[in-house]
PDB file of N, CA and C in Angstrom:
ATOM      1  N   MET A   1       0.750  -1.326  -0.076  1.00  0.00           N
ATOM      2  CA  MET A   1       0.084  -0.043   0.061  1.00  0.00           C
ATOM      3  C   MET A   1       0.859   1.456   0.037  1.00  0.00           C
ATOM      4  N   ARG A   2       2.077   1.380   0.723  1.00  0.00           N
ATOM      5  CA  ARG A   2       2.828   2.688   1.198  1.00  0.00           C
ATOM      6  C   ARG A   2       3.725   2.689  -0.206  1.00  0.00           C
ATOM      7  N   GLY A   3       3.867   1.483  -1.071  1.00  0.00           N
ATOM      8  CA  GLY A   3       4.871   1.564  -2.370  1.00  0.00           C
ATOM      9  C   GLY A   3       3.897   2.139  -2.890  1.00  0.00           C
ATOM     10  N   ARG A   4       2.676   2.163  -3.218  1.00  0.00           N
ATOM     11  CA  ARG A   4       1.465   2.335  -4.185  1.00  0.00           C
ATOM     12  C   ARG A   4       1.627   4.095  -4.245  1.00  0.00           C
ATOM     13  N   LYS A   5       1.269   4.394  -3.036  1.00  0.00           N
ATOM     14  CA  LYS A   5       1.185   5.772  -2.672  1.00  0.00           C
ATOM     15  C   LYS A   5       2.480   6.384  -3.292  1.00  0.00           C
ATOM     16  N   ILE A   6       3.531   6.234  -2.901  1.00  0.00           N
ATOM     17  CA  ILE A   6       5.080   6.497  -3.302  1.00  0.00           C
ATOM     18  C   ILE A   6       5.212   6.629  -4.723  1.00  0.00           C
ATOM     19  N   ARG A   7       4.718   5.453  -5.056  1.00  0.00           N
ATOM     20  CA  ARG A   7       4.602   5.651  -6.897  1.00  0.00           C
ATOM     21  C   ARG A   7       3.601   7.092  -7.288  1.00  0.00           C
ATOM     22  N   ALA A   8       2.304   6.522  -6.531  1.00  0.00           N
ATOM     23  CA  ALA A   8       1.553   7.491  -7.000  1.00  0.00           C
ATOM     24  C   ALA A   8       2.109   9.068  -6.751  1.00  0.00           C
ATOM     25  N   VAL A   9       2.660   9.262  -6.063  1.00  0.00           N
ATOM     26  CA  VAL A   9       3.249  10.789  -5.682  1.00  0.00           C
ATOM     27  C   VAL A   9       4.195  10.745  -6.606  1.00  0.00           C
ATOM     28  N   ILE A  10       5.113  10.136  -7.089  1.00  0.00           N
ATOM     29  CA  ILE A  10       6.348  10.129  -7.836  1.00  0.00           C
ATOM     30  C   ILE A  10       5.724  10.710  -9.430  1.00  0.00           C
ATOM     31  N   LEU A  11       4.399   9.656 -10.102  1.00  0.00           N
ATOM     32  CA  LEU A  11       4.589  10.199 -11.106  1.00  0.00           C
ATOM     33  C   LEU A  11       3.078  11.606 -10.760  1.00  0.00           C
ATOM     34  N   MET A  12       2.481  12.046  -9.752  1.00  0.00           N
ATOM     35  CA  MET A  12       2.307  13.308  -9.993  1.00  0.00           C
ATOM     36  C   MET A  12       3.127  14.395 -10.159  1.00  0.00           C
ATOM     37  N   LEU A  13       4.337  13.971  -9.238  1.00  0.00           N
ATOM     38  CA  LEU A  13       5.474  15.067  -9.315  1.00  0.00           C
ATOM     39  C   LEU A  13       5.927  15.458 -10.920  1.00  0.00           C
ATOM     40  N   ALA A  14       6.088  13.844 -11.345  1.00  0.00           N
ATOM     41  CA  ALA A  14       6.769  13.751 -13.068  1.00  0.00           C
ATOM     42  C   ALA A  14       5.640  14.862 -13.965  1.00  0.00           C
ATOM     43  N   VAL A  15       4.470  14.856 -13.551  1.00  0.00           N
ATOM     44  CA  VAL A  15       3.256  15.524 -14.136  1.00  0.00           C
ATOM     45  C   VAL A  15       3.740  17.028 -14.197  1.00  0.00           C
ATOM     46  N   LEU A  16       3.490  17.603 -12.676  1.00  0.00           N
ATOM     47  CA  LEU A  16       3.291  18.818 -12.415  1.00  0.00           C
ATOM     48  C   LEU A  16       4.801  19.319 -12.909  1.00  0.00           C
ATOM     49  N   ALA A  17       6.354  18.417 -12.749  1.00  0.00           N
ATOM     50  CA  ALA A  17       7.349  19.228 -13.497  1.00  0.00           C
ATOM     51  C   ALA A  17       6.891  19.559 -14.939  1.00  0.00           C
ATOM     52  N   GLY A  18       6.075  19.296 -15.830  1.00  0.00           N
ATOM     53  CA  GLY A  18       5.742  19.916 -16.723  1.00  0.00           C
ATOM     54  C   GLY A  18       6.250  18.905 -17.932  1.00  0.00           C
ATOM     55  N   CYS A  19       6.987  17.620 -17.566  1.00  0.00           N
ATOM     56  CA  CYS A  19       7.782  16.774 -18.520  1.00  0.00           C
ATOM     57  C   CYS A  19       6.881  16.259 -19.143  1.00  0.00           C
ATOM     58  N   VAL A  20       7.147  16.613 -21.003  1.00  0.00           N
ATOM     59  CA  VAL A  20       6.252  16.094 -22.318  1.00  0.00           C
ATOM     60  C   VAL A  20       7.505  15.185 -22.848  1.00  0.00           C
ATOM     61  N   LEU A  21       6.997  14.022 -23.144  1.00  0.00           N
ATOM     62  CA  LEU A  21       7.922  13.287 -23.695  1.00  0.00           C
ATOM     63  C   LEU A  21       7.706  13.102 -25.458  1.00  0.00           C
ATOM     64  N   PRO A  22       8.514  13.740 -26.035  1.00  0.00           N
ATOM     65  CA  PRO A  22       7.650  13.291 -27.608  1.00  0.00           C
ATOM     66  C   PRO A  22       8.212  12.220 -27.932  1.00  0.00           C
ATOM     67  N   LYS A  23       7.947  11.476 -29.010  1.00  0.00           N
ATOM     68  CA  LYS A  23       8.143  10.083 -29.590  1.00  0.00           C
ATOM     69  C   LYS A  23       9.706  10.755 -30.719  1.00  0.00           C
ATOM     70  N   GLY A  24      10.242   9.623 -30.605  1.00  0.00           N
ATOM     71  CA  GLY A  24      11.745  10.038 -31.179  1.00  0.00           C
ATOM     72  C   GLY A  24      12.617   8.524 -31.436  1.00  0.00           C
ATOM     73  N   GLU A  25      13.510   8.501 -31.881  1.00  0.00           N
ATOM     74  CA  GLU A  25      14.262   7.329 -31.492  1.00  0.00           C
ATOM     75  C   GLU A  25      14.807   7.259 -30.140  1.00  0.00           C
ATOM     76  N   ALA A  26      14.993   6.028 -29.948  1.00  0.00           N
ATOM     77  CA  ALA A  26      15.457   5.452 -28.577  1.00  0.00           C
ATOM     78  C   ALA A  26      16.873   6.068 -28.091  1.00  0.00           C
ATOM     79  N   LYS A  27      17.279   6.171 -26.698  1.00  0.00           N
ATOM     80  CA  LYS A  27      18.406   6.851 -26.517  1.00  0.00           C
ATOM     81  C   LYS A  27      18.928   5.545 -25.272  1.00  0.00           C
ATOM     82  N   ALA A  28      17.965   5.692 -23.805  1.00  0.00           N
ATOM     83  CA  ALA A  28      18.326   4.732 -22.878  1.00  0.00           C
ATOM     84  C   ALA A  28      18.003   3.081 -23.060  1.00  0.00           C
ATOM     85  N   ALA A  29      16.580   3.405 -23.802  1.00  0.00           N
ATOM     86  CA  ALA A  29      15.939   1.800 -24.125  1.00  0.00           C
ATOM     87  C   ALA A  29      15.236   2.450 -25.499  1.00  0.00           C
ATOM     88  N   ASN A  30      14.763   1.208 -25.794  1.00  0.00           N
ATOM     89  CA  ASN A  30      13.809   1.021 -26.989  1.00  0.00           C
ATOM     90  C   ASN A  30      12.528   2.119 -27.235  1.00  0.00           C
ATOM     91  N   SER A  31      12.043   2.133 -25.877  1.00  0.00           N
ATOM     92  CA  SER A  31      10.908   3.432 -25.680  1.00  0.00           C
ATOM     93  C   SER A  31      11.559   4.832 -25.358  1.00  0.00           C
ATOM     94  N   TRP A  32      12.739   5.088 -25.058  1.00  0.00           N
ATOM     95  CA  TRP A  32      13.111   6.402 -24.524  1.00  0.00           C
ATOM     96  C   TRP A  32      13.306   7.270 -25.966  1.00  0.00           C
ATOM     97  N   PRO A  33      12.590   8.508 -25.593  1.00  0.00           N
ATOM     98  CA  PRO A  33      13.048   9.033 -26.924  1.00  0.00           C
ATOM     99  C   PRO A  33      14.137  10.178 -27.126  1.00  0.00           C
ATOM    100  N   ASP A  34      14.201  10.597 -28.254  1.00  0.00           N
ATOM    101  CA  ASP A  34      15.817  10.987 -28.999  1.00  0.00           C
ATOM    102  C   ASP A  34      15.323  12.229 -27.927  1.00  0.00           C
ATOM    103  N   ARG A  35      14.651  13.463 -28.108  1.00  0.00           N
ATOM    104  CA  ARG A  35      14.623  14.299 -28.140  1.00  0.00           C
ATOM    105  C   ARG A  35      13.460  14.447 -26.336  1.00  0.00           C
ATOM    106  N   VAL A  36      13.638  15.041 -25.421  1.00  0.00           N
ATOM    107  CA  VAL A  36      12.862  15.149 -24.601  1.00  0.00           C
ATOM    108  C   VAL A  36      12.766  16.837 -24.004  1.00  0.00           C
ATOM    109  N   TYR A  37      11.632  17.454 -23.958  1.00  0.00           N
ATOM    110  CA  TYR A  37      11.337  18.934 -23.573  1.00  0.00           C
ATOM    111  C   TYR A  37      10.695  18.961 -22.178  1.00  0.00           C
ATOM    112  N   ALA A  38      11.288  19.505 -21.407  1.00  0.00           N
ATOM    113  CA  ALA A  38      10.704  19.726 -19.984  1.00  0.00           C
ATOM    114  C   ALA A  38      10.444  21.105 -20.149  1.00  0.00           C
ATOM    115  N   ASP A  39       9.317  21.844 -19.789  1.00  0.00           N
ATOM    116  CA  ASP A  39       8.880  23.096 -19.663  1.00  0.00           C
ATOM    117  C   ASP A  39       9.315  23.575 -18.320  1.00  0.00           C
ATOM    118  N   ALA A  40       9.589  23.062 -17.003  1.00  0.00           N
ATOM    119  CA  ALA A  40      10.053  23.679 -16.003  1.00  0.00           C
ATOM    120  C   ALA A  40      11.480  23.717 -16.022  1.00  0.00           C
ATOM    121  N   GLY A  41      11.655  24.611 -15.024  1.00  0.00           N
ATOM    122  CA  GLY A  41      13.107  24.884 -14.849  1.00  0.00           C
ATOM    123  C   GLY A  41      14.143  24.175 -14.873  1.00  0.00           C
ATOM    124  N   SER A  42      13.736  23.138 -13.704  1.00  0.00           N
ATOM    125  CA  SER A  42      14.659  22.413 -13.404  1.00  0.00           C
ATOM    126  C   SER A  42      13.689  20.568 -13.701  1.00  0.00           C
ATOM    127  N   ALA A  43      14.657  19.607 -14.152  1.00  0.00           N
ATOM    128  CA  ALA A  43      13.638  18.231 -14.064  1.00  0.00           C
ATOM    129  C   ALA A  43      14.884  17.375 -14.057  1.00  0.00           C
ATOM    130  N   ILE A  44      14.395  15.989 -13.671  1.00  0.00           N
ATOM    131  CA  ILE A  44      15.199  14.637 -13.711  1.00  0.00           C
ATOM    132  C   ILE A  44      13.975  13.587 -13.842  1.00  0.00           C
ATOM    133  N   VAL A  45      14.733  12.225 -14.565  1.00  0.00           N
ATOM    134  CA  VAL A  45      13.761  11.323 -15.007  1.00  0.00           C
ATOM    135  C   VAL A  45      14.716  10.355 -14.439  1.00  0.00           C
ATOM    136  N   MET A  46      14.688   9.718 -13.709  1.00  0.00           N
ATOM    137  CA  MET A  46      15.363   8.421 -13.404  1.00  0.00           C
ATOM    138  C   MET A  46      14.592   7.118 -13.393  1.00  0.00           C
ATOM    139  N   CYS A  47      15.493   5.923 -13.625  1.00  0.00           N
ATOM    140  CA  CYS A  47      15.253   4.828 -13.786  1.00  0.00           C
ATOM    141  C   CYS A  47      14.823   4.143 -12.556  1.00  0.00           C
ATOM    142  N   GLN A  48      13.340   4.076 -11.844  1.00  0.00           N
ATOM    143  CA  GLN A  48      13.350   3.356 -10.727  1.00  0.00           C
ATOM    144  C   GLN A  48      14.311   2.092 -10.331  1.00  0.00           C
ATOM    145  N   GLU A  49      14.460   1.152 -10.953  1.00  0.00           N
ATOM    146  CA  GLU A  49      14.963  -0.312 -10.365  1.00  0.00           C
ATOM    147  C   GLU A  49      16.499   0.154 -10.308  1.00  0.00           C
ATOM    148  N   THR A  50      17.259   1.203 -11.259  1.00  0.00           N
ATOM    149  CA  THR A  50      18.936   1.100 -11.011  1.00  0.00           C
ATOM    150  C   THR A  50      19.156   2.396 -10.590  1.00  0.00           C
ATOM    151  N   GLY A  51      18.386   3.858 -10.564  1.00  0.00           N
ATOM    152  CA  GLY A  51      18.684   4.803 -10.251  1.00  0.00           C
ATOM    153  C   GLY A  51      19.392   5.644 -11.313  1.00  0.00           C
ATOM    154  N   THR A  52      19.492   5.160 -12.386  1.00  0.00           N
ATOM    155  CA  THR A  52      20.388   5.443 -13.571  1.00  0.00           C
ATOM    156  C   THR A  52      19.434   6.730 -14.101  1.00  0.00           C
ATOM    157  N   VAL A  53      20.073   8.016 -14.174  1.00  0.00           N
ATOM    158  CA  VAL A  53      19.615   9.505 -14.910  1.00  0.00           C
ATOM    159  C   VAL A  53      19.377   9.236 -16.309  1.00  0.00           C
ATOM    160  N   LEU A  54      18.215   9.437 -16.232  1.00  0.00           N
ATOM    161  CA  LEU A  54      17.823   9.167 -18.215  1.00  0.00           C
ATOM    162  C   LEU A  54      17.735  10.885 -18.541  1.00  0.00           C
ATOM    163  N   TYR A  55      17.206  11.684 -17.955  1.00  0.00           N
ATOM    164  CA  TYR A  55      17.086  13.129 -18.335  1.00  0.00           C
ATOM    165  C   TYR A  55      17.443  14.013 -17.020  1.00  0.00           C
ATOM    166  N   GLU A  56      17.885  15.104 -17.160  1.00  0.00           N
ATOM    167  CA  GLU A  56      18.321  16.024 -15.983  1.00  0.00           C
ATOM    168  C   GLU A  56      18.474  17.133 -16.979  1.00  0.00           C
ATOM    169  N   LYS A  57      17.598  18.537 -16.204  1.00  0.00           N
ATOM    170  CA  LYS A  57      17.691  19.761 -16.927  1.00  0.00           C
ATOM    171  C   LYS A  57      17.653  20.406 -15.522  1.00  0.00           C
ATOM    172  N   ASN A  58      19.288  20.804 -15.184  1.00  0.00           N
ATOM    173  CA  ASN A  58      19.415  21.791 -13.899  1.00  0.00           C
ATOM    174  C   ASN A  58      19.083  21.203 -12.802  1.00  0.00           C
ATOM    175  N   ALA A  59      19.480  19.807 -12.666  1.00  0.00           N
ATOM    176  CA  ALA A  59      19.015  18.967 -11.462  1.00  0.00           C
ATOM    177  C   ALA A  59      19.773  19.562 -10.538  1.00  0.00           C
ATOM    178  N   ASP A  60      20.608  20.176 -10.286  1.00  0.00           N
ATOM    179  CA  ASP A  60      21.324  20.663  -8.964  1.00  0.00           C
ATOM    180  C   ASP A  60      21.168  22.297  -8.609  1.00  0.00           C
ATOM    181  N   VAL A  61      20.013  22.492  -9.193  1.00  0.00           N
ATOM    182  CA  VAL A  61      19.311  23.825  -8.853  1.00  0.00           C
ATOM    183  C   VAL A  61      18.479  23.679  -7.540  1.00  0.00           C
ATOM    184  N   GLN A  62      18.962  24.403  -6.418  1.00  0.00           N
ATOM    185  CA  GLN A  62      17.967  24.317  -5.356  1.00  0.00           C
ATOM    186  C   GLN A  62      16.643  25.545  -5.903  1.00  0.00           C
ATOM    187  N   HIS A  63      15.522  24.733  -5.469  1.00  0.00           N
ATOM    188  CA  HIS A  63      14.415  25.531  -5.837  1.00  0.00           C
ATOM    189  C   HIS A  63      13.275  25.014  -4.290  1.00  0.00           C
ATOM    190  N   TYR A  64      12.652  26.293  -4.134  1.00  0.00           N
ATOM    191  CA  TYR A  64      11.864  25.756  -3.258  1.00  0.00           C
ATOM    192  C   TYR A  64      10.500  24.960  -3.699  1.00  0.00           C
ATOM    193  N   PRO A  65      10.139  23.852  -2.726  1.00  0.00           N
ATOM    194  CA  PRO A  65       9.180  22.891  -3.290  1.00  0.00           C
ATOM    195  C   PRO A  65       8.201  23.251  -3.807  1.00  0.00           C
ATOM    196  N   ALA A  66       7.142  24.786  -3.744  1.00  0.00           N
ATOM    197  CA  ALA A  66       5.821  24.537  -4.014  1.00  0.00           C
ATOM    198  C   ALA A  66       5.194  23.596  -4.020  1.00  0.00           C
ATOM    199  N   SER A  67       4.765  22.963  -5.134  1.00  0.00           N
ATOM    200  CA  SER A  67       3.910  21.807  -5.479  1.00  0.00           C
ATOM    201  C   SER A  67       4.209  20.160  -4.688  1.00  0.00           C
ATOM    202  N   ILE A  68       5.419  20.292  -4.869  1.00  0.00           N
ATOM    203  CA  ILE A  68       5.867  19.193  -3.749  1.00  0.00           C
ATOM    204  C   ILE A  68       5.360  19.036  -2.489  1.00  0.00           C
ATOM    205  N   THR A  69       5.359  19.991  -1.766  1.00  0.00           N
ATOM    206  CA  THR A  69       5.022  20.446  -0.779  1.00  0.00           C
ATOM    207  C   THR A  69       3.525  20.167  -0.516  1.00  0.00           C
ATOM    208  N   LYS A  70       2.943  20.502  -1.710  1.00  0.00           N
ATOM    209  CA  LYS A  70       1.186  20.484  -1.435  1.00  0.00           C
ATOM    210  C   LYS A  70       1.051  19.186  -1.698  1.00  0.00           C
ATOM    211  N   ILE A  71       1.822  18.116  -2.518  1.00  0.00           N
ATOM    212  CA  ILE A  71       1.253  16.856  -2.565  1.00  0.00           C
ATOM    213  C   ILE A  71       1.663  16.055  -1.349  1.00  0.00           C
ATOM    214  N   LEU A  72       2.963  16.360  -0.908  1.00  0.00           N
ATOM    215  CA  LEU A  72       3.241  15.761   0.723  1.00  0.00           C
ATOM    216  C   LEU A  72       2.338  16.158   1.216  1.00  0.00           C
ATOM    217  N   THR A  73       2.102  17.254   1.600  1.00  0.00           N
ATOM    218  CA  THR A  73       1.301  17.286   2.613  1.00  0.00           C
ATOM    219  C   THR A  73      -0.354  17.073   2.595  1.00  0.00           C
ATOM    220  N   ALA A  74      -0.929  16.602   1.309  1.00  0.00           N
ATOM    221  CA  ALA A  74      -1.621  15.792   0.968  1.00  0.00           C
ATOM    222  C   ALA A  74      -1.917  14.490   1.456  1.00  0.00           C
ATOM    223  N   LEU A  75      -0.781  13.640   0.984  1.00  0.00           N
ATOM    224  CA  LEU A  75      -0.161  12.511   1.134  1.00  0.00           C
ATOM    225  C   LEU A  75      -0.423  12.175   2.522  1.00  0.00           C
ATOM    226  N   VAL A  76       0.426  13.148   3.559  1.00  0.00           N
ATOM    227  CA  VAL A  76       0.470  13.071   5.191  1.00  0.00           C
ATOM    228  C   VAL A  76      -1.221  13.377   5.574  1.00  0.00           C
ATOM    229  N   ALA A  77      -2.018  14.018   5.185  1.00  0.00           N
ATOM    230  CA  ALA A  77      -3.111  14.340   5.758  1.00  0.00           C
ATOM    231  C   ALA A  77      -4.046  13.262   5.569  1.00  0.00           C
ATOM    232  N   LEU A  78      -4.127  12.690   4.405  1.00  0.00           N
ATOM    233  CA  LEU A  78      -4.504  11.402   3.732  1.00  0.00           C
ATOM    234  C   LEU A  78      -4.251  10.167   4.864  1.00  0.00           C
ATOM    235  N   GLU A  79      -3.023  10.013   4.709  1.00  0.00           N
ATOM    236  CA  GLU A  79      -2.297   8.930   6.035  1.00  0.00           C
ATOM    237  C   GLU A  79      -2.905   8.858   7.302  1.00  0.00           C
ATOM    238  N   HIS A  80      -3.173  10.231   8.026  1.00  0.00           N
ATOM    239  CA  HIS A  80      -3.698  10.514   9.231  1.00  0.00           C
ATOM    240  C   HIS A  80      -4.869  10.860   9.593  1.00  0.00           C
ATOM    241  N   SER A  81      -5.933  11.023   8.597  1.00  0.00           N
ATOM    242  CA  SER A  81      -7.168  11.378   8.736  1.00  0.00           C
ATOM    243  C   SER A  81      -8.164  10.463   7.862  1.00  0.00           C
ATOM    244  N   SER A  82      -9.222  10.788   7.896  1.00  0.00           N
ATOM    245  CA  SER A  82     -10.402  10.243   6.838  1.00  0.00           C
ATOM    246  C   SER A  82     -11.189  11.187   6.355  1.00  0.00           C
ATOM    247  N   LEU A  83     -11.631  11.113   4.947  1.00  0.00           N
ATOM    248  CA  LEU A  83     -11.982  12.257   4.114  1.00  0.00           C
ATOM    249  C   LEU A  83     -13.228  12.349   4.750  1.00  0.00           C
ATOM    250  N   ASP A  84     -14.123  11.914   5.816  1.00  0.00           N
ATOM    251  CA  ASP A  84     -15.063  12.929   6.363  1.00  0.00           C
ATOM    252  C   ASP A  84     -15.051  13.704   7.448  1.00  0.00           C
ATOM    253  N   GLU A  85     -13.675  13.626   7.858  1.00  0.00           N
ATOM    254  CA  GLU A  85     -13.248  14.055   8.867  1.00  0.00           C
ATOM    255  C   GLU A  85     -13.383  15.720   8.781  1.00  0.00           C
ATOM    256  N   VAL A  86     -13.801  16.290   9.831  1.00  0.00           N
ATOM    257  CA  VAL A  86     -13.923  18.110   9.170  1.00  0.00           C
ATOM    258  C   VAL A  86     -12.811  18.894  10.157  1.00  0.00           C
ATOM    259  N   VAL A  87     -12.115  19.714   9.316  1.00  0.00           N
ATOM    260  CA  VAL A  87     -10.913  20.472   9.655  1.00  0.00           C
ATOM    261  C   VAL A  87     -11.954  21.989  10.273  1.00  0.00           C
ATOM    262  N   THR A  88     -11.129  22.402  10.969  1.00  0.00           N
ATOM    263  CA  THR A  88     -11.593  24.039  11.126  1.00  0.00           C
ATOM    264  C   THR A  88     -10.468  24.524  11.378  1.00  0.00           C
ATOM    265  N   PHE A  89     -10.299  25.678  10.410  1.00  0.00           N
ATOM    266  CA  PHE A  89      -9.036  26.832  10.191  1.00  0.00           C
ATOM    267  C   PHE A  89      -8.844  27.631  11.298  1.00  0.00           C
ATOM    268  N   SER A  90      -7.516  27.676  12.168  1.00  0.00           N
ATOM    269  CA  SER A  90      -7.311  28.482  13.257  1.00  0.00           C
ATOM    270  C   SER A  90      -7.146  29.891  12.703  1.00  0.00           C
ATOM    271  N   GLN A  91      -6.852  30.668  13.678  1.00  0.00           N
ATOM    272  CA  GLN A  91      -6.239  32.175  13.538  1.00  0.00           C
ATOM    273  C   GLN A  91      -4.519  32.013  12.575  1.00  0.00           C
ATOM    274  N   GLU A  92      -4.087  30.678  13.207  1.00  0.00           N
ATOM    275  CA  GLU A  92      -2.443  30.129  13.154  1.00  0.00           C
ATOM    276  C   GLU A  92      -2.242  30.054  11.842  1.00  0.00           C
ATOM    277  N   ALA A  93      -3.429  28.999  11.291  1.00  0.00           N
ATOM    278  CA  ALA A  93      -3.244  28.428   9.979  1.00  0.00           C
ATOM    279  C   ALA A  93      -3.541  29.634   9.135  1.00  0.00           C
ATOM    280  N   VAL A  94      -4.895  30.024   9.311  1.00  0.00           N
ATOM    281  CA  VAL A  94      -5.163  31.359   8.283  1.00  0.00           C
ATOM    282  C   VAL A  94      -4.010  32.468   8.106  1.00  0.00           C
ATOM    283  N   ALA A  95      -3.496  32.911   9.504  1.00  0.00           N
ATOM    284  CA  ALA A  95      -2.164  33.783   9.708  1.00  0.00           C
ATOM    285  C   ALA A  95      -1.033  33.100   8.599  1.00  0.00           C
ATOM    286  N   GLN A  96      -0.949  32.512   8.144  1.00  0.00           N
ATOM    287  CA  GLN A  96       0.038  31.440   7.450  1.00  0.00           C
ATOM    288  C   GLN A  96       0.147  31.311   6.257  1.00  0.00           C
ATOM    289  N   SER A  97      -0.704  31.641   5.628  1.00  0.00           N
ATOM    290  CA  SER A  97      -1.489  31.815   4.080  1.00  0.00           C
ATOM    291  C   SER A  97      -1.177  33.111   3.780  1.00  0.00           C
ATOM    292  N   ALA A  98       0.013  32.859   2.706  1.00  0.00           N
ATOM    293  CA  ALA A  98       0.505  33.673   2.168  1.00  0.00           C
ATOM    294  C   ALA A  98      -0.211  34.106   0.457  1.00  0.00           C
ATOM    295  N   GLY A  99      -0.686  35.539   0.840  1.00  0.00           N
ATOM    296  CA  GLY A  99      -1.311  36.082  -0.557  1.00  0.00           C
ATOM    297  C   GLY A  99      -0.421  35.890  -1.612  1.00  0.00           C
ATOM    298  N   GLY A 100      -1.082  35.718  -2.847  1.00  0.00           N
ATOM    299  CA  GLY A 100      -0.301  36.224  -3.962  1.00  0.00           C
ATOM    300  C   GLY A 100       0.200  34.657  -4.092  1.00  0.00           C
ATOM    301  N   THR A 101       0.117  33.916  -3.772  1.00  0.00           N
ATOM    302  CA  THR A 101       0.244  32.168  -3.730  1.00  0.00           C
ATOM    303  C   THR A 101      -0.557  31.209  -4.374  1.00  0.00           C
ATOM    304  N   SER A 102      -0.451  30.274  -4.679  1.00  0.00           N
ATOM    305  CA  SER A 102      -1.541  29.506  -4.868  1.00  0.00           C
ATOM    306  C   SER A 102      -2.338  28.554  -3.805  1.00  0.00           C
ATOM    307  N   SER A 103      -1.727  29.287  -2.495  1.00  0.00           N
ATOM    308  CA  SER A 103      -2.366  28.297  -1.560  1.00  0.00           C
ATOM    309  C   SER A 103      -4.248  28.921  -1.350  1.00  0.00           C
ATOM    310  N   ILE A 104      -5.052  28.233  -1.065  1.00  0.00           N
ATOM    311  CA  ILE A 104      -6.512  28.523  -0.532  1.00  0.00           C
ATOM    312  C   ILE A 104      -6.547  29.543   0.108  1.00  0.00           C
ATOM    313  N   TRP A 105      -7.756  30.490   0.058  1.00  0.00           N
ATOM    314  CA  TRP A 105      -7.518  31.284   0.605  1.00  0.00           C
ATOM    315  C   TRP A 105      -8.921  31.183   1.911  1.00  0.00           C
ATOM    316  N   ARG A 106      -8.777  31.036   3.347  1.00  0.00           N
ATOM    317  CA  ARG A 106      -9.925  30.546   4.102  1.00  0.00           C
ATOM    318  C   ARG A 106     -10.201  31.683   5.538  1.00  0.00           C
ATOM    319  N   ASP A 107     -11.071  31.511   5.933  1.00  0.00           N
ATOM    320  CA  ASP A 107     -11.391  32.464   7.137  1.00  0.00           C
ATOM    321  C   ASP A 107     -10.967  31.969   8.561  1.00  0.00           C
ATOM    322  N   VAL A 108     -10.814  32.218   9.397  1.00  0.00           N
ATOM    323  CA  VAL A 108     -10.718  31.538  10.964  1.00  0.00           C
ATOM    324  C   VAL A 108     -12.126  31.211  11.091  1.00  0.00           C
ATOM    325  N   GLY A 109     -12.118  29.725  11.425  1.00  0.00           N
ATOM    326  CA  GLY A 109     -13.118  29.451  12.031  1.00  0.00           C
ATOM    327  C   GLY A 109     -13.976  28.534  11.068  1.00  0.00           C
ATOM    328  N   GLU A 110     -13.483  28.776   9.791  1.00  0.00           N
ATOM    329  CA  GLU A 110     -14.565  28.538   8.515  1.00  0.00           C
ATOM    330  C   GLU A 110     -13.776  26.456   8.720  1.00  0.00           C
ATOM    331  N   LYS A 111     -14.629  25.699   8.393  1.00  0.00           N
ATOM    332  CA  LYS A 111     -15.088  24.517   8.232  1.00  0.00           C
ATOM    333  C   LYS A 111     -14.841  23.775   6.956  1.00  0.00           C
ATOM    334  N   MET A 112     -14.246  22.583   7.023  1.00  0.00           N
ATOM    335  CA  MET A 112     -13.978  22.018   5.497  1.00  0.00           C
ATOM    336  C   MET A 112     -13.783  20.669   6.074  1.00  0.00           C
ATOM    337  N   THR A 113     -14.207  19.516   4.847  1.00  0.00           N
ATOM    338  CA  THR A 113     -14.043  18.132   4.855  1.00  0.00           C
ATOM    339  C   THR A 113     -12.842  18.012   4.328  1.00  0.00           C
ATOM    340  N   MET A 114     -11.894  16.846   4.774  1.00  0.00           N
ATOM    341  CA  MET A 114     -10.868  16.746   4.290  1.00  0.00           C
ATOM    342  C   MET A 114     -10.652  16.301   2.740  1.00  0.00           C
TER     343      MET A 114
END
C-alpha cells in the first residue's frame, strides 16, 4: 500500500514538473525518446530499478518545493485522517497563508471536510 502511494506521488511530481516526452529515436531504451522537452526550470527522470539518470535539466539547482510540498502535505493528511473528517481553520493557519500564492484562502473558524 505504501509503495503504491509513493509511486503515485512520483507520478504526480513528474506531471507537475511539466515533462512532455515526444516520440523519437531511442536513447536509454527502445521506448526512450531521442528528444525530451521539460517546460519546468529543472527536471530529472530516473530509472526506478537502477537509479540511472535518464534525463536532467538543472538537476542540481535548488528551488522552493512549492507543488511538491502540497502533494506531500496531502499524502500526510490522507495517511492521518479520514476524508469525512471536518477541519476548522485556526487563526495561526489562516495567518500563515501567504497572499499571491497558489494556496487556498480560508477564514478563521471556517470548516471544511478533508
